[in-house]
C-alpha atoms as a PDB file:
ATOM      1  CA  UNK A   1      -9.390  19.751 -28.541  1.00  0.00           C
ATOM      2  CA  UNK A   2      -8.382  16.895 -25.917  1.00  0.00           C
ATOM      3  CA  UNK A   3     -11.033  16.033 -23.212  1.00  0.00           C
ATOM      4  CA  UNK A   4     -10.179  15.265 -19.674  1.00  0.00           C
ATOM      5  CA  UNK A   5     -10.820  11.805 -18.787  1.00  0.00           C
ATOM      6  CA  UNK A   6     -11.196  11.007 -15.057  1.00  0.00           C
ATOM      7  CA  UNK A   7      -8.345   9.336 -13.197  1.00  0.00           C
ATOM      8  CA  UNK A   8      -7.505   9.028  -9.473  1.00  0.00           C
ATOM      9  CA  UNK A   9      -3.748   8.700  -9.937  1.00  0.00           C
ATOM     10  CA  UNK A  10      -1.366  11.745 -10.195  1.00  0.00           C
ATOM     11  CA  UNK A  11       1.527  10.087 -11.689  1.00  0.00           C
ATOM     12  CA  UNK A  12       1.482  10.923 -15.433  1.00  0.00           C
ATOM     13  CA  UNK A  13       4.037   8.426 -16.734  1.00  0.00           C
ATOM     14  CA  UNK A  14       2.069   5.554 -14.853  1.00  0.00           C
ATOM     15  CA  UNK A  15      -1.164   7.114 -16.364  1.00  0.00           C
ATOM     16  CA  UNK A  16       0.193   7.002 -19.816  1.00  0.00           C
ATOM     17  CA  UNK A  17       1.671   3.428 -19.435  1.00  0.00           C
ATOM     18  CA  UNK A  18      -1.328   2.049 -17.996  1.00  0.00           C
ATOM     19  CA  UNK A  19      -3.722   3.776 -20.542  1.00  0.00           C
ATOM     20  CA  UNK A  20      -1.532   2.350 -23.628  1.00  0.00           C
ATOM     21  CA  UNK A  21      -2.159  -0.930 -21.957  1.00  0.00           C
ATOM     22  CA  UNK A  22      -5.795  -0.856 -21.828  1.00  0.00           C
ATOM     23  CA  UNK A  23      -5.931   0.490 -25.144  1.00  0.00           C
ATOM     24  CA  UNK A  24      -3.959  -2.431 -26.718  1.00  0.00           C
ATOM     25  CA  UNK A  25      -6.246  -4.830 -24.595  1.00  0.00           C
ATOM     26  CA  UNK A  26      -9.378  -3.150 -25.580  1.00  0.00           C
ATOM     27  CA  UNK A  27      -8.699  -3.137 -28.966  1.00  0.00           C
ATOM     28  CA  UNK A  28      -8.078  -6.735 -29.317  1.00  0.00           C
ATOM     29  CA  UNK A  29     -11.351  -7.396 -27.644  1.00  0.00           C
ATOM     30  CA  UNK A  30     -13.277  -5.053 -29.115  1.00  0.00           C
ATOM     31  CA  UNK A  31     -12.482  -6.418 -32.748  1.00  0.00           C
ATOM     32  CA  UNK A  32     -12.937 -10.241 -31.369  1.00  0.00           C
ATOM     33  CA  UNK A  33     -16.142  -9.521 -29.559  1.00  0.00           C
ATOM     34  CA  UNK A  34     -17.727  -6.331 -30.779  1.00  0.00           C
ATOM     35  CA  UNK A  35     -17.522  -3.011 -28.697  1.00  0.00           C
ATOM     36  CA  UNK A  36     -21.121  -3.215 -27.636  1.00  0.00           C
ATOM     37  CA  UNK A  37     -20.634  -6.868 -26.426  1.00  0.00           C
ATOM     38  CA  UNK A  38     -17.147  -6.297 -24.602  1.00  0.00           C
ATOM     39  CA  UNK A  39     -17.424  -5.780 -20.632  1.00  0.00           C
ATOM     40  CA  UNK A  40     -14.844  -3.722 -18.492  1.00  0.00           C
ATOM     41  CA  UNK A  41     -14.740  -6.760 -16.490  1.00  0.00           C
ATOM     42  CA  UNK A  42     -13.244  -8.417 -19.574  1.00  0.00           C
ATOM     43  CA  UNK A  43     -11.147  -5.472 -20.379  1.00  0.00           C
ATOM     44  CA  UNK A  44      -9.602  -5.642 -16.729  1.00  0.00           C
ATOM     45  CA  UNK A  45      -8.975  -9.471 -17.127  1.00  0.00           C
ATOM     46  CA  UNK A  46      -7.016  -9.051 -20.551  1.00  0.00           C
ATOM     47  CA  UNK A  47      -5.016  -6.365 -19.076  1.00  0.00           C
ATOM     48  CA  UNK A  48      -4.242  -8.636 -16.050  1.00  0.00           C
ATOM     49  CA  UNK A  49      -5.883  -6.172 -13.954  1.00  0.00           C
ATOM     50  CA  UNK A  50      -8.246  -5.924 -11.046  1.00  0.00           C
ATOM     51  CA  UNK A  51     -11.822  -4.297 -12.005  1.00  0.00           C
ATOM     52  CA  UNK A  52     -11.049  -1.590  -9.468  1.00  0.00           C
ATOM     53  CA  UNK A  53      -7.682  -0.937 -10.653  1.00  0.00           C
ATOM     54  CA  UNK A  54      -9.287  -0.524 -14.302  1.00  0.00           C
ATOM     55  CA  UNK A  55     -11.593   2.209 -13.173  1.00  0.00           C
ATOM     56  CA  UNK A  56      -8.719   3.842 -11.380  1.00  0.00           C
ATOM     57  CA  UNK A  57      -7.359   4.970 -14.911  1.00  0.00           C
ATOM     58  CA  UNK A  58     -10.921   5.225 -16.606  1.00  0.00           C
ATOM     59  CA  UNK A  59     -14.511   5.532 -15.883  1.00  0.00           C
ATOM     60  CA  UNK A  60     -16.219   3.758 -18.572  1.00  0.00           C
ATOM     61  CA  UNK A  61     -15.904   2.034 -21.940  1.00  0.00           C
ATOM     62  CA  UNK A  62     -16.555   5.392 -23.659  1.00  0.00           C
ATOM     63  CA  UNK A  63     -13.574   6.881 -22.016  1.00  0.00           C
ATOM     64  CA  UNK A  64     -11.424   4.011 -23.546  1.00  0.00           C
ATOM     65  CA  UNK A  65     -13.228   4.624 -26.923  1.00  0.00           C
ATOM     66  CA  UNK A  66     -12.141   8.256 -26.915  1.00  0.00           C
ATOM     67  CA  UNK A  67      -8.608   7.210 -25.619  1.00  0.00           C
ATOM     68  CA  UNK A  68      -8.540   5.198 -28.824  1.00  0.00           C
ATOM     69  CA  UNK A  69      -9.398   7.667 -31.280  1.00  0.00           C
ATOM     70  CA  UNK A  70      -7.117  10.361 -29.517  1.00  0.00           C
ATOM     71  CA  UNK A  71      -4.269   7.897 -29.541  1.00  0.00           C
ATOM     72  CA  UNK A  72      -4.575   7.415 -33.295  1.00  0.00           C
ATOM     73  CA  UNK A  73      -4.949  10.992 -34.153  1.00  0.00           C
ATOM     74  CA  UNK A  74      -1.911  12.035 -32.043  1.00  0.00           C
ATOM     75  CA  UNK A  75       0.136   9.433 -33.520  1.00  0.00           C
ATOM     76  CA  UNK A  76      -0.705  10.522 -37.109  1.00  0.00           C
ATOM     77  CA  UNK A  77       0.252  14.077 -36.218  1.00  0.00           C
ATOM     78  CA  UNK A  78       3.613  12.857 -35.055  1.00  0.00           C
ATOM     79  CA  UNK A  79       4.145  10.652 -37.812  1.00  0.00           C
ATOM     80  CA  UNK A  80       3.123  13.030 -40.491  1.00  0.00           C
ATOM     81  CA  UNK A  81       4.913  16.117 -39.100  1.00  0.00           C
ATOM     82  CA  UNK A  82       7.991  14.319 -39.478  1.00  0.00           C
ATOM     83  CA  UNK A  83       7.301  13.331 -42.713  1.00  0.00           C
ATOM     84  CA  UNK A  84       6.517  16.776 -43.748  1.00  0.00           C
ATOM     85  CA  UNK A  85       9.953  18.053 -42.780  1.00  0.00           C
ATOM     86  CA  UNK A  86      11.554  15.303 -44.907  1.00  0.00           C
ATOM     87  CA  UNK A  87       9.432  15.616 -47.715  1.00  0.00           C
ATOM     88  CA  UNK A  88       9.636  19.410 -47.664  1.00  0.00           C
ATOM     89  CA  UNK A  89      13.537  18.974 -48.788  1.00  0.00           C
ATOM     90  CA  UNK A  90      12.883  16.652 -51.457  1.00  0.00           C
ATOM     91  CA  UNK A  91      11.815  16.778 -55.104  1.00  0.00           C
ATOM     92  CA  UNK A  92       7.988  16.283 -55.625  1.00  0.00           C
ATOM     93  CA  UNK A  93       8.394  12.741 -57.085  1.00  0.00           C
ATOM     94  CA  UNK A  94      10.891  11.689 -54.418  1.00  0.00           C
ATOM     95  CA  UNK A  95       8.448  13.184 -51.779  1.00  0.00           C
ATOM     96  CA  UNK A  96       5.503  11.334 -53.454  1.00  0.00           C
ATOM     97  CA  UNK A  97       7.235   7.964 -53.007  1.00  0.00           C
ATOM     98  CA  UNK A  98       8.336   8.921 -49.293  1.00  0.00           C
ATOM     99  CA  UNK A  99       4.943  10.006 -48.569  1.00  0.00           C
ATOM    100  CA  UNK A 100       3.144   6.848 -50.054  1.00  0.00           C
ATOM    101  CA  UNK A 101       5.770   4.136 -48.695  1.00  0.00           C
ATOM    102  CA  UNK A 102       5.625   5.849 -45.240  1.00  0.00           C
ATOM    103  CA  UNK A 103       1.769   6.283 -45.079  1.00  0.00           C
ATOM    104  CA  UNK A 104       1.196   2.506 -46.145  1.00  0.00           C
ATOM    105  CA  UNK A 105       3.559   1.114 -43.761  1.00  0.00           C
ATOM    106  CA  UNK A 106       1.679   3.065 -40.820  1.00  0.00           C
ATOM    107  CA  UNK A 107      -1.654   1.914 -42.167  1.00  0.00           C
ATOM    108  CA  UNK A 108      -0.244  -2.042 -41.781  1.00  0.00           C
ATOM    109  CA  UNK A 109       1.227  -1.509 -38.505  1.00  0.00           C
ATOM    110  CA  UNK A 110      -1.606   0.164 -37.155  1.00  0.00           C
ATOM    111  CA  UNK A 111      -4.094  -1.689 -38.952  1.00  0.00           C
ATOM    112  CA  UNK A 112      -6.304  -2.823 -36.046  1.00  0.00           C
ATOM    113  CA  UNK A 113      -6.824   0.970 -34.908  1.00  0.00           C
ATOM    114  CA  UNK A 114      -7.739   1.360 -38.464  1.00  0.00           C
ATOM    115  CA  UNK A 115     -10.341  -1.108 -38.785  1.00  0.00           C
ATOM    116  CA  UNK A 116     -11.648  -0.878 -35.332  1.00  0.00           C
ATOM    117  CA  UNK A 117     -12.157   3.072 -35.919  1.00  0.00           C
ATOM    118  CA  UNK A 118     -13.989   2.444 -39.187  1.00  0.00           C
ATOM    119  CA  UNK A 119     -16.307   0.211 -37.403  1.00  0.00           C
ATOM    120  CA  UNK A 120     -17.126   2.412 -34.302  1.00  0.00           C
ATOM    121  CA  UNK A 121     -16.582   5.966 -35.166  1.00  0.00           C
ATOM    122  CA  UNK A 122     -19.952   6.832 -35.634  1.00  0.00           C
ATOM    123  CA  UNK A 123     -20.232   6.000 -31.570  1.00  0.00           C
ATOM    124  CA  UNK A 124     -18.124   8.581 -30.743  1.00  0.00           C
ATOM    125  CA  UNK A 125     -19.715  12.045 -29.810  1.00  0.00           C
ATOM    126  CA  UNK A 126     -19.331  14.717 -32.691  1.00  0.00           C
ATOM    127  CA  UNK A 127     -16.576  16.477 -30.714  1.00  0.00           C
ATOM    128  CA  UNK A 128     -14.666  13.281 -30.487  1.00  0.00           C
ATOM    129  CA  UNK A 129     -15.131  12.332 -33.962  1.00  0.00           C
ATOM    130  CA  UNK A 130     -13.542  15.634 -35.093  1.00  0.00           C
ATOM    131  CA  UNK A 131     -10.144  14.803 -33.615  1.00  0.00           C
ATOM    132  CA  UNK A 132     -10.390  12.226 -36.186  1.00  0.00           C
ATOM    133  CA  UNK A 133     -11.226  14.372 -39.013  1.00  0.00           C
ATOM    134  CA  UNK A 134      -8.631  16.965 -38.088  1.00  0.00           C
ATOM    135  CA  UNK A 135      -5.810  14.104 -38.076  1.00  0.00           C
ATOM    136  CA  UNK A 136      -6.862  13.081 -41.297  1.00  0.00           C
ATOM    137  CA  UNK A 137      -7.081  16.587 -42.808  1.00  0.00           C
ATOM    138  CA  UNK A 138      -3.556  17.106 -41.521  1.00  0.00           C
ATOM    139  CA  UNK A 139      -2.136  14.096 -43.416  1.00  0.00           C
ATOM    140  CA  UNK A 140      -3.949  15.006 -46.572  1.00  0.00           C
ATOM    141  CA  UNK A 141      -3.083  18.190 -46.956  1.00  0.00           C
ATOM    142  CA  UNK A 142       0.607  17.779 -46.628  1.00  0.00           C
ATOM    143  CA  UNK A 143      -0.026  15.045 -49.744  1.00  0.00           C
ATOM    144  CA  UNK A 144      -1.817  17.518 -51.446  1.00  0.00           C
ATOM    145  CA  UNK A 145       1.106  20.161 -51.028  1.00  0.00           C
ATOM    146  CA  UNK A 146       3.553  17.545 -52.613  1.00  0.00           C
ATOM    147  CA  UNK A 147       1.128  17.182 -55.330  1.00  0.00           C
ATOM    148  CA  UNK A 148       0.830  20.824 -56.252  1.00  0.00           C
ATOM    149  CA  UNK A 149       4.477  21.163 -56.294  1.00  0.00           C
ATOM    150  CA  UNK A 150       4.551  18.734 -58.653  1.00  0.00           C
ATOM    151  CA  UNK A 151       2.168  20.328 -60.841  1.00  0.00           C
ATOM    152  CA  UNK A 152       3.476  23.399 -60.592  1.00  0.00           C
ATOM    153  CA  UNK A 153       7.258  21.963 -61.459  1.00  0.00           C
ATOM    154  CA  UNK A 154       5.699  20.137 -64.348  1.00  0.00           C
ATOM    155  CA  UNK A 155       6.627  16.927 -62.879  1.00  0.00           C
ATOM    156  CA  UNK A 156       2.646  16.068 -62.482  1.00  0.00           C
ATOM    157  CA  UNK A 157      -0.213  16.250 -64.540  1.00  0.00           C
ATOM    158  CA  UNK A 158      -3.221  16.513 -62.236  1.00  0.00           C
ATOM    159  CA  UNK A 159      -6.439  18.194 -62.734  1.00  0.00           C
ATOM    160  CA  UNK A 160      -7.661  18.021 -59.177  1.00  0.00           C
ATOM    161  CA  UNK A 161      -4.689  17.533 -56.657  1.00  0.00           C
ATOM    162  CA  UNK A 162      -7.008  17.291 -53.512  1.00  0.00           C
ATOM    163  CA  UNK A 163      -9.193  14.506 -55.029  1.00  0.00           C
ATOM    164  CA  UNK A 164      -5.802  12.694 -56.025  1.00  0.00           C
ATOM    165  CA  UNK A 165      -4.733  12.945 -52.538  1.00  0.00           C
ATOM    166  CA  UNK A 166      -7.886  11.672 -51.296  1.00  0.00           C
ATOM    167  CA  UNK A 167      -7.454   8.809 -53.758  1.00  0.00           C
ATOM    168  CA  UNK A 168      -3.890   7.877 -52.843  1.00  0.00           C
ATOM    169  CA  UNK A 169      -4.965   7.786 -49.175  1.00  0.00           C
ATOM    170  CA  UNK A 170      -7.793   5.779 -49.618  1.00  0.00           C
ATOM    171  CA  UNK A 171      -5.679   2.989 -51.353  1.00  0.00           C
ATOM    172  CA  UNK A 172      -3.729   3.087 -48.467  1.00  0.00           C
ATOM    173  CA  UNK A 173      -6.667   2.374 -45.857  1.00  0.00           C
ATOM    174  CA  UNK A 174      -7.860  -0.481 -48.190  1.00  0.00           C
ATOM    175  CA  UNK A 175      -4.777  -2.396 -47.228  1.00  0.00           C
ATOM    176  CA  UNK A 176      -6.094  -2.643 -43.521  1.00  0.00           C
ATOM    177  CA  UNK A 177     -10.064  -2.467 -44.150  1.00  0.00           C
ATOM    178  CA  UNK A 178      -9.859  -5.241 -46.899  1.00  0.00           C
ATOM    179  CA  UNK A 179      -6.876  -7.170 -45.112  1.00  0.00           C
ATOM    180  CA  UNK A 180      -9.123 -10.462 -45.123  1.00  0.00           C
ATOM    181  CA  UNK A 181      -8.862 -10.652 -48.833  1.00  0.00           C
ATOM    182  CA  UNK A 182      -5.467  -8.315 -49.600  1.00  0.00           C
ATOM    183  CA  UNK A 183      -3.367  -9.715 -47.060  1.00  0.00           C
ATOM    184  CA  UNK A 184      -4.086 -13.477 -47.860  1.00  0.00           C
ATOM    185  CA  UNK A 185      -2.728 -12.741 -51.454  1.00  0.00           C
ATOM    186  CA  UNK A 186       0.044 -10.294 -51.144  1.00  0.00           C
ATOM    187  CA  UNK A 187       2.732  -8.877 -49.031  1.00  0.00           C
ATOM    188  CA  UNK A 188       2.812  -5.000 -47.895  1.00  0.00           C
ATOM    189  CA  UNK A 189       6.045  -4.379 -50.324  1.00  0.00           C
ATOM    190  CA  UNK A 190       4.575  -5.774 -53.453  1.00  0.00           C
ATOM    191  CA  UNK A 191       1.049  -4.104 -52.645  1.00  0.00           C
ATOM    192  CA  UNK A 192       2.943  -0.666 -52.100  1.00  0.00           C
ATOM    193  CA  UNK A 193       5.058  -1.136 -55.152  1.00  0.00           C
ATOM    194  CA  UNK A 194       1.972  -1.938 -57.539  1.00  0.00           C
ATOM    195  CA  UNK A 195       0.271   1.119 -56.175  1.00  0.00           C
ATOM    196  CA  UNK A 196       2.850   3.258 -56.575  1.00  0.00           C
ATOM    197  CA  UNK A 197       3.226   1.961 -60.243  1.00  0.00           C
ATOM    198  CA  UNK A 198      -0.460   2.667 -60.726  1.00  0.00           C
ATOM    199  CA  UNK A 199      -0.262   6.299 -58.813  1.00  0.00           C
ATOM    200  CA  UNK A 200       2.514   7.138 -61.130  1.00  0.00           C
ATOM    201  CA  UNK A 201       1.067   6.076 -64.426  1.00  0.00           C
ATOM    202  CA  UNK A 202      -2.102   8.328 -63.730  1.00  0.00           C
ATOM    203  CA  UNK A 203      -0.159  11.735 -62.807  1.00  0.00           C
ATOM    204  CA  UNK A 204       3.128  11.435 -64.689  1.00  0.00           C
ATOM    205  CA  UNK A 205       2.876  13.086 -68.153  1.00  0.00           C
ATOM    206  CA  UNK A 206       2.312  10.466 -70.918  1.00  0.00           C
ATOM    207  CA  UNK A 207       5.183  10.969 -73.153  1.00  0.00           C
ATOM    208  CA  UNK A 208       7.616  10.145 -70.240  1.00  0.00           C
ATOM    209  CA  UNK A 209       5.505   7.823 -67.943  1.00  0.00           C
ATOM    210  CA  UNK A 210       6.720   4.347 -69.073  1.00  0.00           C
ATOM    211  CA  UNK A 211      10.427   5.085 -68.898  1.00  0.00           C
ATOM    212  CA  UNK A 212      10.073   7.365 -65.591  1.00  0.00           C
ATOM    213  CA  UNK A 213       7.943   4.619 -64.071  1.00  0.00           C
ATOM    214  CA  UNK A 214      10.379   1.526 -64.817  1.00  0.00           C
ATOM    215  CA  UNK A 215      13.302   3.665 -63.555  1.00  0.00           C
ATOM    216  CA  UNK A 216      11.677   4.717 -60.442  1.00  0.00           C
ATOM    217  CA  UNK A 217      10.465   1.208 -59.617  1.00  0.00           C
ATOM    218  CA  UNK A 218      13.905  -0.271 -60.492  1.00  0.00           C
ATOM    219  CA  UNK A 219      15.712   1.878 -57.745  1.00  0.00           C
ATOM    220  CA  UNK A 220      13.052   1.455 -55.267  1.00  0.00           C
END
């Protein structure tokens, strides 16, 4: 459940705009200097605000950390909710490809969030960390449902769909977590296409895997 962050403004739209700006500026500083080393004065300067104006919308760095986590969790729910609606109308293999491409692009587009939250998640109180865990489970359950449909229809051969879903998500996150290596050597499209090939090779029936993968990658 979202907790209340103290503010001295009653303008909800302005609060959202200011906090979005604060989040963006704070993440850049946290990644550059580290969470502990960054001061509220530096965040205010990066946002082109006075320190007093910054405190108008948040009371401390921990508030900003929570807002970053909450923003990421809510973005996950919105994005995956829309994706679930699209995927439910598709055959399992088509839905899986849609999920992988969408998720891996999300990771690429929000990689600063991904890296930062991995670094500081332990600093969040247990209740605040739970919003990240719940959002992660929400995304994984959608993928697990796609994989289960594929097993039931005979399109996929998977012993443990929950573990496979976890592995697929993990390979997506690696694009952000190890960007210092991967993004110097590969572009996002190559990475996505190559991972799709590896995933399909491990879950399609062996008697049709080669021809099916070639067909899918040719059309994608």
